[in-house]
Amino acid sequence: MSKAFTKEDAGGEDVLLPPRPRSTSGEKRYITPEGYRALQEELESLTAPSSQEKAPPSFGDDVRARERTRRVQYLTATLEEVQVVTPEAPDEEHVYFGAWVTLEDEEGEETAYRIVGPDEADVKAGRLSVESPLARALLGKEVGESVRVERPRGAIEYTVTGVSYRPPTS
């Protein structure tokens, strides 16, 4: 029988999802001020009264409500765990947490990433987790230095061509 037609919920309380494991031996996970605000805004949007709640229940509302509750619990726990990091005196030559980094690969293609915490990482949006192999290789490097990173499809070398602690102008 399909799982869609079985009742798996025993009627118990939703369990608080634990926050992601800490990066290293008990340290808090880091997050940029913008990432923290984005998580706060998402939490606020999930907990704000919505006009959709006044509509008659439809098929799947219970599942959506449980998922919403789980997400609220996850965001609440995450916001308590993370530590906001703001560069006080940015060093525009070296790569540290929160930096926007422009890289050039072996073929001359440029790519830009921001080094952020794991809770706000999104490679497609240009936000690279500080825990990723590339970000780890970049930390402390300066403009003009190269890093070699192993990938599943083979190693690649990048050269740091720019570092900024201000958002790029589009």
N, C-alpha and C. Protein backbone atom coordinates (compact mmCIF):
# COMPACT_ATOMS: atom_id res chain seq x y z
N MET A 1 0.84 -1.17 0.00
CA MET A 1 0.00 0.00 0.00
C MET A 1 0.89 1.24 0.00
N SER A 2 0.48 2.24 -0.71
CA SER A 2 1.24 3.48 -0.79
C SER A 2 1.31 4.15 0.57
N LYS A 3 2.45 4.81 0.86
CA LYS A 3 2.60 5.53 2.12
C LYS A 3 1.61 6.68 2.20
N ALA A 4 1.14 7.16 1.06
CA ALA A 4 0.20 8.27 1.06
C ALA A 4 -1.11 7.89 1.72
N PHE A 5 -1.40 6.60 1.80
CA PHE A 5 -2.66 6.15 2.38
C PHE A 5 -2.50 5.52 3.75
N THR A 6 -1.34 5.68 4.35
CA THR A 6 -1.15 5.13 5.70
C THR A 6 -0.99 6.26 6.68
N LYS A 7 -1.38 6.01 7.91
CA LYS A 7 -1.26 7.01 8.95
C LYS A 7 0.02 6.71 9.72
N GLU A 8 1.00 7.60 9.59
CA GLU A 8 2.27 7.39 10.27
C GLU A 8 2.37 8.19 11.55
N ASP A 9 1.55 9.23 11.70
CA ASP A 9 1.60 10.06 12.88
C ASP A 9 0.79 9.40 13.98
N ALA A 10 1.42 9.13 15.10
CA ALA A 10 0.74 8.49 16.21
C ALA A 10 0.01 9.50 17.07
N GLY A 11 -0.08 10.74 16.61
CA GLY A 11 -0.79 11.77 17.35
C GLY A 11 0.06 12.44 18.40
N GLY A 12 1.33 12.14 18.46
CA GLY A 12 2.21 12.74 19.45
C GLY A 12 2.59 14.16 19.06
N GLU A 13 3.27 14.82 19.98
CA GLU A 13 3.74 16.17 19.74
C GLU A 13 4.85 16.17 18.70
N ASP A 14 4.93 17.26 17.94
CA ASP A 14 6.06 17.40 17.03
C ASP A 14 7.32 17.53 17.86
N VAL A 15 8.37 16.89 17.42
CA VAL A 15 9.63 16.90 18.13
C VAL A 15 10.46 18.06 17.64
N LEU A 16 11.10 18.78 18.57
CA LEU A 16 11.97 19.88 18.20
C LEU A 16 13.16 19.32 17.44
N LEU A 17 13.35 19.83 16.22
CA LEU A 17 14.50 19.39 15.43
C LEU A 17 15.76 19.99 16.03
N PRO A 18 16.78 19.19 16.22
CA PRO A 18 18.01 19.75 16.77
C PRO A 18 18.68 20.65 15.75
N PRO A 19 19.38 21.68 16.23
CA PRO A 19 20.10 22.52 15.29
C PRO A 19 21.21 21.71 14.63
N ARG A 20 21.72 22.23 13.52
CA ARG A 20 22.81 21.54 12.84
C ARG A 20 23.95 21.35 13.81
N PRO A 21 24.75 20.30 13.62
CA PRO A 21 25.90 20.11 14.50
C PRO A 21 26.82 21.32 14.44
N ARG A 22 27.42 21.65 15.56
CA ARG A 22 28.35 22.77 15.60
C ARG A 22 29.56 22.46 14.76
N SER A 23 30.19 23.51 14.23
CA SER A 23 31.32 23.36 13.32
C SER A 23 32.46 22.58 13.95
N THR A 24 32.94 23.04 15.08
CA THR A 24 34.06 22.38 15.73
C THR A 24 33.86 22.41 17.23
N SER A 25 34.23 21.39 17.87
CA SER A 25 34.21 21.18 19.32
C SER A 25 33.52 22.26 20.14
N GLY A 26 32.20 22.36 20.02
CA GLY A 26 31.42 23.22 20.87
C GLY A 26 31.35 24.69 20.48
N GLU A 27 32.03 25.10 19.43
CA GLU A 27 31.95 26.50 19.01
C GLU A 27 30.63 26.78 18.33
N LYS A 28 30.19 28.04 18.46
CA LYS A 28 28.97 28.43 17.76
C LYS A 28 29.21 28.49 16.26
N ARG A 29 28.14 28.33 15.52
CA ARG A 29 28.22 28.50 14.07
C ARG A 29 28.14 29.99 13.78
N TYR A 30 28.93 30.44 12.81
CA TYR A 30 28.97 31.84 12.45
C TYR A 30 27.94 32.14 11.37
N ILE A 31 27.49 33.40 11.38
CA ILE A 31 26.53 33.86 10.38
C ILE A 31 26.77 35.35 10.17
N THR A 32 26.54 35.82 8.96
CA THR A 32 26.66 37.25 8.68
C THR A 32 25.43 37.97 9.22
N PRO A 33 25.52 39.27 9.45
CA PRO A 33 24.33 40.01 9.90
C PRO A 33 23.16 39.88 8.91
N GLU A 34 23.48 39.86 7.61
CA GLU A 34 22.43 39.73 6.60
C GLU A 34 21.78 38.35 6.66
N GLY A 35 22.57 37.32 6.88
CA GLY A 35 22.03 35.97 7.01
C GLY A 35 21.15 35.83 8.22
N TYR A 36 21.56 36.45 9.32
CA TYR A 36 20.77 36.40 10.56
C TYR A 36 19.42 37.08 10.35
N ARG A 37 19.47 38.28 9.71
CA ARG A 37 18.21 38.99 9.43
C ARG A 37 17.30 38.18 8.52
N ALA A 38 17.86 37.50 7.53
CA ALA A 38 17.04 36.69 6.61
C ALA A 38 16.36 35.55 7.37
N LEU A 39 17.07 34.90 8.29
CA LEU A 39 16.45 33.83 9.09
C LEU A 39 15.37 34.40 10.00
N GLN A 40 15.63 35.57 10.61
CA GLN A 40 14.63 36.21 11.45
C GLN A 40 13.37 36.56 10.65
N GLU A 41 13.57 37.11 9.45
CA GLU A 41 12.43 37.48 8.61
C GLU A 41 11.62 36.25 8.21
N GLU A 42 12.31 35.16 7.90
CA GLU A 42 11.59 33.93 7.56
C GLU A 42 10.78 33.45 8.76
N LEU A 43 11.38 33.49 9.94
CA LEU A 43 10.67 33.06 11.15
C LEU A 43 9.45 33.95 11.39
N GLU A 44 9.63 35.25 11.25
CA GLU A 44 8.50 36.17 11.43
C GLU A 44 7.39 35.90 10.43
N SER A 45 7.75 35.62 9.18
CA SER A 45 6.72 35.36 8.17
C SER A 45 5.97 34.06 8.47
N LEU A 46 6.65 33.10 9.06
CA LEU A 46 6.00 31.83 9.38
C LEU A 46 5.11 31.92 10.62
N THR A 47 5.43 32.85 11.51
CA THR A 47 4.66 32.95 12.75
C THR A 47 3.62 34.06 12.70
N ALA A 48 3.65 34.90 11.67
CA ALA A 48 2.66 35.98 11.55
C ALA A 48 1.32 35.40 11.15
N PRO A 49 0.24 35.99 11.67
CA PRO A 49 -1.08 35.53 11.24
C PRO A 49 -1.22 35.72 9.73
N SER A 50 -1.82 34.75 9.10
CA SER A 50 -1.94 34.79 7.65
C SER A 50 -3.40 34.71 7.25
N SER A 51 -3.71 35.34 6.15
CA SER A 51 -5.09 35.30 5.66
C SER A 51 -5.46 33.89 5.20
N GLN A 52 -4.48 33.08 4.85
CA GLN A 52 -4.75 31.72 4.39
C GLN A 52 -5.30 30.86 5.52
N GLU A 53 -4.98 31.19 6.79
CA GLU A 53 -5.44 30.39 7.91
C GLU A 53 -6.95 30.51 8.11
N LYS A 54 -7.56 31.57 7.56
CA LYS A 54 -8.99 31.78 7.72
C LYS A 54 -9.80 31.01 6.69
N ALA A 55 -9.15 30.50 5.67
CA ALA A 55 -9.84 29.74 4.63
C ALA A 55 -10.19 28.36 5.17
N PRO A 56 -11.22 27.73 4.61
CA PRO A 56 -11.58 26.39 5.06
C PRO A 56 -10.42 25.42 4.79
N PRO A 57 -10.20 24.46 5.70
CA PRO A 57 -9.10 23.52 5.51
C PRO A 57 -9.26 22.73 4.22
N SER A 58 -8.15 22.44 3.59
CA SER A 58 -8.17 21.62 2.39
C SER A 58 -7.22 20.45 2.57
N PHE A 59 -7.26 19.54 1.61
CA PHE A 59 -6.40 18.37 1.65
C PHE A 59 -4.94 18.81 1.72
N GLY A 60 -4.20 18.29 2.66
CA GLY A 60 -2.78 18.60 2.80
C GLY A 60 -2.48 19.71 3.79
N ASP A 61 -3.53 20.39 4.31
CA ASP A 61 -3.29 21.46 5.27
C ASP A 61 -2.57 20.97 6.52
N ASP A 62 -2.92 19.76 6.99
CA ASP A 62 -2.30 19.21 8.19
C ASP A 62 -0.80 18.99 7.96
N VAL A 63 -0.46 18.48 6.79
CA VAL A 63 0.95 18.24 6.47
C VAL A 63 1.69 19.57 6.39
N ARG A 64 1.10 20.56 5.73
CA ARG A 64 1.73 21.88 5.63
C ARG A 64 1.90 22.51 7.01
N ALA A 65 0.93 22.34 7.88
CA ALA A 65 1.01 22.89 9.23
C ALA A 65 2.14 22.24 10.02
N ARG A 66 2.29 20.93 9.89
CA ARG A 66 3.40 20.23 10.57
C ARG A 66 4.74 20.69 10.05
N GLU A 67 4.85 20.82 8.72
CA GLU A 67 6.11 21.28 8.13
C GLU A 67 6.42 22.70 8.58
N ARG A 68 5.41 23.55 8.64
CA ARG A 68 5.58 24.93 9.10
C ARG A 68 6.07 24.93 10.55
N THR A 69 5.47 24.10 11.39
CA THR A 69 5.86 24.00 12.81
C THR A 69 7.30 23.53 12.93
N ARG A 70 7.66 22.53 12.16
CA ARG A 70 9.04 22.04 12.19
C ARG A 70 10.03 23.13 11.75
N ARG A 71 9.67 23.87 10.70
CA ARG A 71 10.56 24.93 10.22
C ARG A 71 10.70 26.02 11.27
N VAL A 72 9.60 26.39 11.93
CA VAL A 72 9.65 27.40 12.99
C VAL A 72 10.56 26.92 14.12
N GLN A 73 10.43 25.66 14.52
CA GLN A 73 11.27 25.11 15.58
C GLN A 73 12.74 25.11 15.16
N TYR A 74 13.00 24.72 13.91
CA TYR A 74 14.38 24.70 13.40
C TYR A 74 14.97 26.11 13.39
N LEU A 75 14.22 27.08 12.86
CA LEU A 75 14.72 28.45 12.80
C LEU A 75 14.96 29.03 14.18
N THR A 76 14.05 28.76 15.12
CA THR A 76 14.20 29.24 16.49
C THR A 76 15.48 28.69 17.11
N ALA A 77 15.69 27.39 16.97
CA ALA A 77 16.90 26.76 17.53
C ALA A 77 18.15 27.30 16.84
N THR A 78 18.10 27.46 15.53
CA THR A 78 19.25 27.96 14.79
C THR A 78 19.62 29.37 15.22
N LEU A 79 18.62 30.25 15.35
CA LEU A 79 18.89 31.63 15.74
C LEU A 79 19.49 31.71 17.14
N GLU A 80 19.18 30.75 18.00
CA GLU A 80 19.78 30.71 19.35
C GLU A 80 21.22 30.21 19.31
N GLU A 81 21.55 29.41 18.32
CA GLU A 81 22.87 28.78 18.24
C GLU A 81 23.92 29.61 17.53
N VAL A 82 23.51 30.38 16.52
CA VAL A 82 24.49 31.05 15.68
C VAL A 82 25.09 32.27 16.35
N GLN A 83 26.27 32.65 15.90
CA GLN A 83 26.95 33.84 16.39
C GLN A 83 27.16 34.78 15.21
N VAL A 84 26.60 35.98 15.31
CA VAL A 84 26.71 36.96 14.23
C VAL A 84 28.13 37.54 14.23
N VAL A 85 28.74 37.56 13.04
CA VAL A 85 30.10 38.08 12.90
C VAL A 85 30.07 39.23 11.90
N THR A 86 30.55 40.38 12.35
CA THR A 86 30.67 41.56 11.49
C THR A 86 32.13 41.98 11.49
N PRO A 87 32.76 42.05 10.32
CA PRO A 87 34.15 42.51 10.29
C PRO A 87 34.24 43.95 10.82
N GLU A 88 35.10 44.17 11.83
CA GLU A 88 35.22 45.51 12.42
C GLU A 88 36.05 46.43 11.53
N ALA A 89 37.22 45.99 11.14
CA ALA A 89 38.09 46.78 10.27
C ALA A 89 38.47 45.89 9.10
N PRO A 90 37.64 45.86 8.06
CA PRO A 90 37.88 44.93 6.96
C PRO A 90 39.23 45.15 6.29
N ASP A 91 39.84 44.05 5.98
CA ASP A 91 41.12 44.02 5.28
C ASP A 91 40.78 43.68 3.83
N GLU A 92 40.83 44.66 2.97
CA GLU A 92 40.42 44.48 1.58
C GLU A 92 41.40 43.66 0.75
N GLU A 93 42.46 43.18 1.36
CA GLU A 93 43.45 42.38 0.64
C GLU A 93 43.37 40.89 0.98
N HIS A 94 42.82 40.56 2.16
CA HIS A 94 42.79 39.17 2.61
C HIS A 94 41.37 38.65 2.73
N VAL A 95 41.23 37.35 2.53
CA VAL A 95 39.92 36.70 2.59
C VAL A 95 39.66 36.21 4.01
N TYR A 96 38.58 36.72 4.59
CA TYR A 96 38.12 36.28 5.90
C TYR A 96 36.61 36.06 5.81
N PHE A 97 36.02 35.59 6.90
CA PHE A 97 34.58 35.36 6.95
C PHE A 97 33.84 36.64 6.58
N GLY A 98 32.84 36.51 5.73
CA GLY A 98 32.02 37.65 5.31
C GLY A 98 32.51 38.36 4.07
N ALA A 99 33.66 37.98 3.55
CA ALA A 99 34.23 38.66 2.38
C ALA A 99 33.53 38.23 1.10
N TRP A 100 33.42 39.17 0.17
CA TRP A 100 33.05 38.87 -1.20
C TRP A 100 34.37 38.64 -1.92
N VAL A 101 34.51 37.48 -2.54
CA VAL A 101 35.77 37.09 -3.17
C VAL A 101 35.53 36.84 -4.66
N THR A 102 36.37 37.44 -5.48
CA THR A 102 36.31 37.20 -6.92
C THR A 102 37.46 36.28 -7.27
N LEU A 103 37.14 35.20 -7.98
CA LEU A 103 38.13 34.19 -8.34
C LEU A 103 38.20 34.05 -9.85
N GLU A 104 39.39 33.72 -10.32
CA GLU A 104 39.57 33.41 -11.74
C GLU A 104 40.08 31.98 -11.83
N ASP A 105 39.42 31.16 -12.67
CA ASP A 105 39.85 29.77 -12.81
C ASP A 105 40.92 29.65 -13.89
N GLU A 106 41.33 28.42 -14.17
CA GLU A 106 42.42 28.15 -15.11
C GLU A 106 42.12 28.60 -16.54
N GLU A 107 40.82 28.68 -16.88
CA GLU A 107 40.43 29.11 -18.22
C GLU A 107 40.17 30.61 -18.30
N GLY A 108 40.39 31.33 -17.22
CA GLY A 108 40.17 32.76 -17.21
C GLY A 108 38.75 33.18 -16.86
N GLU A 109 37.90 32.22 -16.51
CA GLU A 109 36.51 32.52 -16.13
C GLU A 109 36.48 33.07 -14.71
N GLU A 110 35.73 34.16 -14.50
CA GLU A 110 35.62 34.74 -13.17
C GLU A 110 34.33 34.30 -12.49
N THR A 111 34.44 34.08 -11.19
CA THR A 111 33.32 33.71 -10.34
C THR A 111 33.44 34.49 -9.04
N ALA A 112 32.31 34.90 -8.49
CA ALA A 112 32.33 35.63 -7.23
C ALA A 112 31.49 34.89 -6.19
N TYR A 113 32.02 34.83 -4.98
CA TYR A 113 31.32 34.20 -3.86
C TYR A 113 31.46 35.09 -2.63
N ARG A 114 30.53 34.93 -1.72
CA ARG A 114 30.67 35.52 -0.40
C ARG A 114 30.87 34.36 0.56
N ILE A 115 31.85 34.49 1.46
CA ILE A 115 32.12 33.46 2.46
C ILE A 115 31.15 33.70 3.63
N VAL A 116 30.25 32.75 3.84
CA VAL A 116 29.19 32.89 4.85
C VAL A 116 29.11 31.65 5.73
N GLY A 117 28.25 31.70 6.72
CA GLY A 117 28.03 30.55 7.59
C GLY A 117 27.24 29.46 6.90
N PRO A 118 27.30 28.23 7.40
CA PRO A 118 26.62 27.11 6.76
C PRO A 118 25.10 27.26 6.72
N ASP A 119 24.53 28.04 7.65
CA ASP A 119 23.08 28.19 7.70
C ASP A 119 22.55 29.15 6.65
N GLU A 120 23.42 29.88 5.98
CA GLU A 120 22.99 30.83 4.96
C GLU A 120 23.60 30.53 3.59
N ALA A 121 24.35 29.44 3.51
CA ALA A 121 25.04 29.09 2.26
C ALA A 121 24.05 28.73 1.15
N ASP A 122 24.36 29.19 -0.05
CA ASP A 122 23.59 28.88 -1.25
C ASP A 122 24.50 29.17 -2.43
N VAL A 123 25.15 28.13 -2.94
CA VAL A 123 26.16 28.31 -4.00
C VAL A 123 25.55 28.98 -5.22
N LYS A 124 24.33 28.63 -5.57
CA LYS A 124 23.70 29.23 -6.76
C LYS A 124 23.49 30.73 -6.59
N ALA A 125 23.33 31.17 -5.33
CA ALA A 125 23.16 32.59 -5.05
C ALA A 125 24.51 33.27 -4.75
N GLY A 126 25.61 32.51 -4.87
CA GLY A 126 26.93 33.08 -4.65
C GLY A 126 27.36 33.13 -3.20
N ARG A 127 26.69 32.37 -2.32
CA ARG A 127 27.04 32.34 -0.91
C ARG A 127 27.66 30.98 -0.59
N LEU A 128 28.95 30.99 -0.28
CA LEU A 128 29.74 29.78 -0.09
C LEU A 128 29.96 29.55 1.40
N SER A 129 29.62 28.34 1.88
CA SER A 129 29.80 28.01 3.30
C SER A 129 31.26 28.06 3.69
N VAL A 130 31.53 28.67 4.83
CA VAL A 130 32.89 28.75 5.36
C VAL A 130 33.45 27.35 5.62
N GLU A 131 32.57 26.36 5.73
CA GLU A 131 32.99 24.98 5.98
C GLU A 131 33.31 24.21 4.69
N SER A 132 33.06 24.81 3.53
CA SER A 132 33.30 24.13 2.26
C SER A 132 34.81 24.07 1.98
N PRO A 133 35.24 23.08 1.20
CA PRO A 133 36.67 22.98 0.88
C PRO A 133 37.23 24.24 0.20
N LEU A 134 36.47 24.84 -0.71
CA LEU A 134 36.95 26.03 -1.39
C LEU A 134 37.12 27.19 -0.40
N ALA A 135 36.11 27.42 0.43
CA ALA A 135 36.20 28.53 1.40
C ALA A 135 37.35 28.30 2.36
N ARG A 136 37.51 27.07 2.82
CA ARG A 136 38.62 26.78 3.73
C ARG A 136 39.96 27.08 3.07
N ALA A 137 40.08 26.75 1.81
CA ALA A 137 41.33 27.01 1.08
C ALA A 137 41.55 28.51 0.90
N LEU A 138 40.47 29.27 0.78
CA LEU A 138 40.59 30.71 0.53
C LEU A 138 40.90 31.54 1.77
N LEU A 139 40.47 31.08 2.95
CA LEU A 139 40.64 31.86 4.17
C LEU A 139 42.10 32.26 4.39
N GLY A 140 42.31 33.55 4.59
CA GLY A 140 43.65 34.08 4.83
C GLY A 140 44.42 34.43 3.58
N LYS A 141 43.95 34.00 2.43
CA LYS A 141 44.65 34.30 1.17
C LYS A 141 44.47 35.77 0.83
N GLU A 142 45.35 36.26 -0.03
CA GLU A 142 45.25 37.65 -0.45
C GLU A 142 45.15 37.73 -1.97
N VAL A 143 44.80 38.92 -2.44
CA VAL A 143 44.66 39.14 -3.87
C VAL A 143 45.96 38.73 -4.56
N GLY A 144 45.83 37.95 -5.63
CA GLY A 144 46.98 37.47 -6.38
C GLY A 144 47.40 36.06 -6.03
N GLU A 145 46.99 35.56 -4.87
CA GLU A 145 47.35 34.20 -4.47
C GLU A 145 46.42 33.20 -5.14
N SER A 146 46.94 31.99 -5.31
CA SER A 146 46.16 30.91 -5.92
C SER A 146 45.91 29.80 -4.91
N VAL A 147 44.80 29.08 -5.12
CA VAL A 147 44.47 27.91 -4.31
C VAL A 147 44.09 26.78 -5.25
N ARG A 148 44.41 25.57 -4.86
CA ARG A 148 44.05 24.39 -5.63
C ARG A 148 43.06 23.59 -4.77
N VAL A 149 41.93 23.23 -5.37
CA VAL A 149 40.87 22.54 -4.64
C VAL A 149 40.51 21.26 -5.37
N GLU A 150 40.41 20.18 -4.61
CA GLU A 150 39.98 18.90 -5.18
C GLU A 150 38.47 18.89 -5.27
N ARG A 151 37.98 18.46 -6.42
CA ARG A 151 36.54 18.29 -6.65
C ARG A 151 36.30 16.87 -7.11
N PRO A 152 35.06 16.41 -7.09
CA PRO A 152 34.78 15.06 -7.60
C PRO A 152 35.22 14.86 -9.05
N ARG A 153 35.13 15.91 -9.86
CA ARG A 153 35.52 15.77 -11.27
C ARG A 153 36.97 16.20 -11.53
N GLY A 154 37.75 16.37 -10.45
CA GLY A 154 39.16 16.71 -10.60
C GLY A 154 39.52 18.02 -9.95
N ALA A 155 40.80 18.22 -9.76
CA ALA A 155 41.29 19.43 -9.10
C ALA A 155 41.13 20.65 -10.01
N ILE A 156 40.97 21.80 -9.36
CA ILE A 156 40.89 23.06 -10.09
C ILE A 156 41.68 24.10 -9.31
N GLU A 157 42.28 25.01 -10.05
CA GLU A 157 43.04 26.08 -9.42
C GLU A 157 42.34 27.40 -9.66
N TYR A 158 42.22 28.20 -8.59
CA TYR A 158 41.63 29.53 -8.66
C TYR A 158 42.67 30.55 -8.20
N THR A 159 42.61 31.73 -8.77
CA THR A 159 43.43 32.85 -8.33
C THR A 159 42.48 33.91 -7.77
N VAL A 160 42.80 34.43 -6.60
CA VAL A 160 42.00 35.48 -5.98
C VAL A 160 42.28 36.78 -6.73
N THR A 161 41.25 37.35 -7.34
CA THR A 161 41.43 38.58 -8.10
C THR A 161 40.79 39.79 -7.41
N GLY A 162 39.99 39.54 -6.39
CA GLY A 162 39.37 40.64 -5.68
C GLY A 162 38.81 40.21 -4.33
N VAL A 163 38.89 41.11 -3.36
CA VAL A 163 38.33 40.88 -2.03
C VAL A 163 37.65 42.17 -1.60
N SER A 164 36.43 42.06 -1.11
CA SER A 164 35.71 43.23 -0.62
C SER A 164 34.84 42.81 0.55
N TYR A 165 34.60 43.76 1.43
CA TYR A 165 33.70 43.52 2.56
C TYR A 165 32.45 44.39 2.44
N ARG A 166 32.24 44.92 1.25
CA ARG A 166 31.03 45.67 0.93
C ARG A 166 30.34 44.95 -0.21
N PRO A 167 29.01 44.93 -0.20
CA PRO A 167 28.31 44.24 -1.29
C PRO A 167 28.70 44.81 -2.64
N PRO A 168 28.83 43.95 -3.64
CA PRO A 168 29.16 44.44 -4.98
C PRO A 168 28.02 45.28 -5.53
N THR A 169 28.37 46.27 -6.32
CA THR A 169 27.35 47.08 -6.98
C THR A 169 26.99 46.42 -8.29
N SER A 170 25.72 46.26 -8.51
CA SER A 170 25.26 45.56 -9.71
C SER A 170 25.11 46.47 -10.87
